[in-house]
Amino acid sequence: MGQAQKFDREVFKKRLYNFILKLIEFIDNLPKDRVCFIIGDQLLRSGTSILGNYIEGQSASSKKEFLVFMQYCLKSTNESKVWIAVLRDSKRAKKERADWFLKELDEYSKIFASSILTIKGKRTI
């Protein structure tokens, strides 16, 4: 594993961390109603799970274990997209802000999906 690869992982980890900070602020600024509380709670869980599973995956003891964590990352990313879309489409979140999160999450999905395919040997880097 070269230094450049490690640097990229660190940059991506920091990007995920900053995403979580923005997500917390986004959730804190949602309307204070029952729907937003429930969806916000789900979004916080799925959103923070992305970073948690990514960090766990980096210390995996095998390719198989790493693959499992990347699959969890992808699932949490996709779940987060659903909750943000619901908040946007129900007019509980500003469209521009929600769209920024959806774009960012879409990029994460592509990164995780690419990693999964590479690990499975179905794609080369």
C-alpha atoms as a PDB file:
ATOM      1  CA  MET A   1       0.000   0.000   0.000  1.00  0.00           C
ATOM      2  CA  GLY A   2       1.631   3.155  -1.202  1.00  0.00           C
ATOM      3  CA  GLN A   3       1.712   6.501   0.542  1.00  0.00           C
ATOM      4  CA  ALA A   4      -0.573   8.036  -2.101  1.00  0.00           C
ATOM      5  CA  GLN A   5      -3.321   5.491  -1.367  1.00  0.00           C
ATOM      6  CA  LYS A   6      -3.105   6.145   2.365  1.00  0.00           C
ATOM      7  CA  PHE A   7      -3.310   9.884   1.738  1.00  0.00           C
ATOM      8  CA  ASP A   8      -6.426   9.427  -0.381  1.00  0.00           C
ATOM      9  CA  ARG A   9      -8.084   7.396   2.359  1.00  0.00           C
ATOM     10  CA  GLU A  10      -7.247  10.055   4.900  1.00  0.00           C
ATOM     11  CA  VAL A  11      -8.625  12.793   2.660  1.00  0.00           C
ATOM     12  CA  PHE A  12     -11.814  10.789   2.132  1.00  0.00           C
ATOM     13  CA  LYS A  13     -12.131  10.105   5.862  1.00  0.00           C
ATOM     14  CA  LYS A  14     -11.853  13.840   6.551  1.00  0.00           C
ATOM     15  CA  ARG A  15     -14.433  14.521   3.839  1.00  0.00           C
ATOM     16  CA  LEU A  16     -16.828  12.076   5.514  1.00  0.00           C
ATOM     17  CA  TYR A  17     -16.157  13.654   8.909  1.00  0.00           C
ATOM     18  CA  ASN A  18     -16.926  17.142   7.572  1.00  0.00           C
ATOM     19  CA  PHE A  19     -20.049  15.749   5.926  1.00  0.00           C
ATOM     20  CA  ILE A  20     -21.227  14.483   9.326  1.00  0.00           C
ATOM     21  CA  LEU A  21     -20.673  17.896  10.904  1.00  0.00           C
ATOM     22  CA  LYS A  22     -22.772  19.509   8.155  1.00  0.00           C
ATOM     23  CA  LEU A  23     -25.400  16.788   8.515  1.00  0.00           C
ATOM     24  CA  ILE A  24     -25.723  17.453  12.251  1.00  0.00           C
ATOM     25  CA  GLU A  25     -26.223  21.157  11.554  1.00  0.00           C
ATOM     26  CA  PHE A  26     -28.772  20.304   8.840  1.00  0.00           C
ATOM     27  CA  ILE A  27     -30.736  18.076  11.228  1.00  0.00           C
ATOM     28  CA  ASP A  28     -30.570  20.654  14.031  1.00  0.00           C
ATOM     29  CA  ASN A  29     -32.140  23.238  11.700  1.00  0.00           C
ATOM     30  CA  LEU A  30     -35.095  21.086  10.654  1.00  0.00           C
ATOM     31  CA  PRO A  31     -38.557  22.143  11.843  1.00  0.00           C
ATOM     32  CA  LYS A  32     -39.280  20.980  15.372  1.00  0.00           C
ATOM     33  CA  ASP A  33     -42.145  18.598  14.617  1.00  0.00           C
ATOM     34  CA  ARG A  34     -42.718  14.881  15.121  1.00  0.00           C
ATOM     35  CA  VAL A  35     -41.988  13.920  11.511  1.00  0.00           C
ATOM     36  CA  CYS A  36     -38.685  15.799  11.438  1.00  0.00           C
ATOM     37  CA  PHE A  37     -37.689  14.359  14.796  1.00  0.00           C
ATOM     38  CA  ILE A  38     -38.261  10.785  13.613  1.00  0.00           C
ATOM     39  CA  ILE A  39     -36.724  11.208  10.164  1.00  0.00           C
ATOM     40  CA  GLY A  40     -33.905  13.337  11.573  1.00  0.00           C
ATOM     41  CA  ASP A  41     -33.107  10.583  14.068  1.00  0.00           C
ATOM     42  CA  GLN A  42     -33.008   7.970  11.299  1.00  0.00           C
ATOM     43  CA  LEU A  43     -30.874  10.254   9.135  1.00  0.00           C
ATOM     44  CA  LEU A  44     -28.437  10.893  11.967  1.00  0.00           C
ATOM     45  CA  ARG A  45     -28.053   7.150  12.522  1.00  0.00           C
ATOM     46  CA  SER A  46     -27.592   6.256   8.864  1.00  0.00           C
ATOM     47  CA  GLY A  47     -25.396   9.271   8.126  1.00  0.00           C
ATOM     48  CA  THR A  48     -22.993   8.755  11.009  1.00  0.00           C
ATOM     49  CA  SER A  49     -22.899   5.038  10.248  1.00  0.00           C
ATOM     50  CA  ILE A  50     -21.175   5.816   6.950  1.00  0.00           C
ATOM     51  CA  LEU A  51     -18.116   7.239   8.685  1.00  0.00           C
ATOM     52  CA  GLY A  52     -18.138   4.654  11.473  1.00  0.00           C
ATOM     53  CA  ASN A  53     -18.187   1.737   9.070  1.00  0.00           C
ATOM     54  CA  TYR A  54     -15.587   3.352   6.831  1.00  0.00           C
ATOM     55  CA  ILE A  55     -13.186   3.719   9.759  1.00  0.00           C
ATOM     56  CA  GLU A  56     -13.885   0.155  10.900  1.00  0.00           C
ATOM     57  CA  GLY A  57     -13.251  -1.068   7.366  1.00  0.00           C
ATOM     58  CA  GLN A  58      -9.852   0.595   7.298  1.00  0.00           C
ATOM     59  CA  SER A  59      -8.745  -1.609  10.189  1.00  0.00           C
ATOM     60  CA  ALA A  60     -10.304  -4.804   8.816  1.00  0.00           C
ATOM     61  CA  SER A  61      -8.186  -7.913   9.206  1.00  0.00           C
ATOM     62  CA  SER A  62      -9.140  -9.414   5.838  1.00  0.00           C
ATOM     63  CA  LYS A  63     -10.497  -8.514   2.410  1.00  0.00           C
ATOM     64  CA  LYS A  64     -13.743 -10.256   3.301  1.00  0.00           C
ATOM     65  CA  GLU A  65     -14.154  -8.172   6.456  1.00  0.00           C
ATOM     66  CA  PHE A  66     -13.271  -4.991   4.539  1.00  0.00           C
ATOM     67  CA  LEU A  67     -15.884  -5.887   1.918  1.00  0.00           C
ATOM     68  CA  VAL A  68     -18.570  -6.236   4.584  1.00  0.00           C
ATOM     69  CA  PHE A  69     -17.808  -2.779   5.975  1.00  0.00           C
ATOM     70  CA  MET A  70     -17.846  -1.214   2.500  1.00  0.00           C
ATOM     71  CA  GLN A  71     -21.238  -2.848   1.879  1.00  0.00           C
ATOM     72  CA  TYR A  72     -22.518  -1.350   5.146  1.00  0.00           C
ATOM     73  CA  CYS A  73     -21.173   2.034   4.033  1.00  0.00           C
ATOM     74  CA  LEU A  74     -23.047   1.745   0.749  1.00  0.00           C
ATOM     75  CA  LYS A  75     -26.279   0.696   2.473  1.00  0.00           C
ATOM     76  CA  SER A  76     -26.061   3.555   4.975  1.00  0.00           C
ATOM     77  CA  THR A  77     -25.323   6.007   2.171  1.00  0.00           C
ATOM     78  CA  ASN A  78     -28.362   4.840   0.215  1.00  0.00           C
ATOM     79  CA  GLU A  79     -30.579   4.987   3.306  1.00  0.00           C
ATOM     80  CA  SER A  80     -29.400   8.525   4.025  1.00  0.00           C
ATOM     81  CA  LYS A  81     -30.338   9.538   0.474  1.00  0.00           C
ATOM     82  CA  VAL A  82     -33.884   8.290   1.056  1.00  0.00           C
ATOM     83  CA  TRP A  83     -34.349  10.289   4.277  1.00  0.00           C
ATOM     84  CA  ILE A  84     -32.966  13.488   2.775  1.00  0.00           C
ATOM     85  CA  ALA A  85     -35.177  13.104  -0.304  1.00  0.00           C
ATOM     86  CA  VAL A  86     -38.229  12.623   1.943  1.00  0.00           C
ATOM     87  CA  LEU A  87     -37.365  15.762   3.916  1.00  0.00           C
ATOM     88  CA  ARG A  88     -36.872  17.725   0.689  1.00  0.00           C
ATOM     89  CA  ASP A  89     -40.003  16.430  -1.025  1.00  0.00           C
ATOM     90  CA  SER A  90     -42.170  16.985   2.054  1.00  0.00           C
ATOM     91  CA  LYS A  91     -40.936  20.609   2.089  1.00  0.00           C
ATOM     92  CA  ARG A  92     -39.365  20.197   5.517  1.00  0.00           C
ATOM     93  CA  ALA A  93     -35.862  20.902   4.223  1.00  0.00           C
ATOM     94  CA  LYS A  94     -34.653  23.535   1.790  1.00  0.00           C
ATOM     95  CA  LYS A  95     -34.302  22.055  -1.673  1.00  0.00           C
ATOM     96  CA  GLU A  96     -30.869  23.565  -2.335  1.00  0.00           C
ATOM     97  CA  ARG A  97     -29.432  22.234   0.914  1.00  0.00           C
ATOM     98  CA  ALA A  98     -30.995  18.791   0.500  1.00  0.00           C
ATOM     99  CA  ASP A  99     -29.749  18.610  -3.083  1.00  0.00           C
ATOM    100  CA  TRP A 100     -26.192  19.346  -1.917  1.00  0.00           C
ATOM    101  CA  PHE A 101     -26.384  16.405   0.505  1.00  0.00           C
ATOM    102  CA  LEU A 102     -27.886  14.149  -2.162  1.00  0.00           C
ATOM    103  CA  LYS A 103     -25.100  15.026  -4.602  1.00  0.00           C
ATOM    104  CA  GLU A 104     -22.446  14.353  -1.971  1.00  0.00           C
ATOM    105  CA  LEU A 105     -24.076  11.053  -0.996  1.00  0.00           C
ATOM    106  CA  ASP A 106     -24.311  10.052  -4.646  1.00  0.00           C
ATOM    107  CA  GLU A 107     -20.549  10.528  -4.946  1.00  0.00           C
ATOM    108  CA  TYR A 108     -20.025   8.381  -1.830  1.00  0.00           C
ATOM    109  CA  SER A 109     -22.260   5.666  -3.298  1.00  0.00           C
ATOM    110  CA  LYS A 110     -20.123   5.564  -6.422  1.00  0.00           C
ATOM    111  CA  ILE A 111     -16.915   5.367  -4.378  1.00  0.00           C
ATOM    112  CA  PHE A 112     -18.218   2.533  -2.189  1.00  0.00           C
ATOM    113  CA  ALA A 113     -19.758   0.637  -5.120  1.00  0.00           C
ATOM    114  CA  SER A 114     -16.497   0.895  -7.041  1.00  0.00           C
ATOM    115  CA  SER A 115     -14.560  -0.396  -4.026  1.00  0.00           C
ATOM    116  CA  ILE A 116     -16.969  -3.309  -3.629  1.00  0.00           C
ATOM    117  CA  LEU A 117     -16.678  -4.272  -7.302  1.00  0.00           C
ATOM    118  CA  THR A 118     -12.887  -4.023  -7.158  1.00  0.00           C
ATOM    119  CA  ILE A 119     -12.706  -6.212  -4.044  1.00  0.00           C
ATOM    120  CA  LYS A 120     -14.984  -8.787  -5.650  1.00  0.00           C
ATOM    121  CA  GLY A 121     -12.693  -8.814  -8.678  1.00  0.00           C
ATOM    122  CA  LYS A 122     -15.413  -7.566 -10.996  1.00  0.00           C
ATOM    123  CA  ARG A 123     -13.655  -4.302 -11.700  1.00  0.00           C
ATOM    124  CA  THR A 124     -10.108  -3.101 -11.853  1.00  0.00           C
ATOM    125  CA  ILE A 125      -8.934   0.190 -10.413  1.00  0.00           C
END
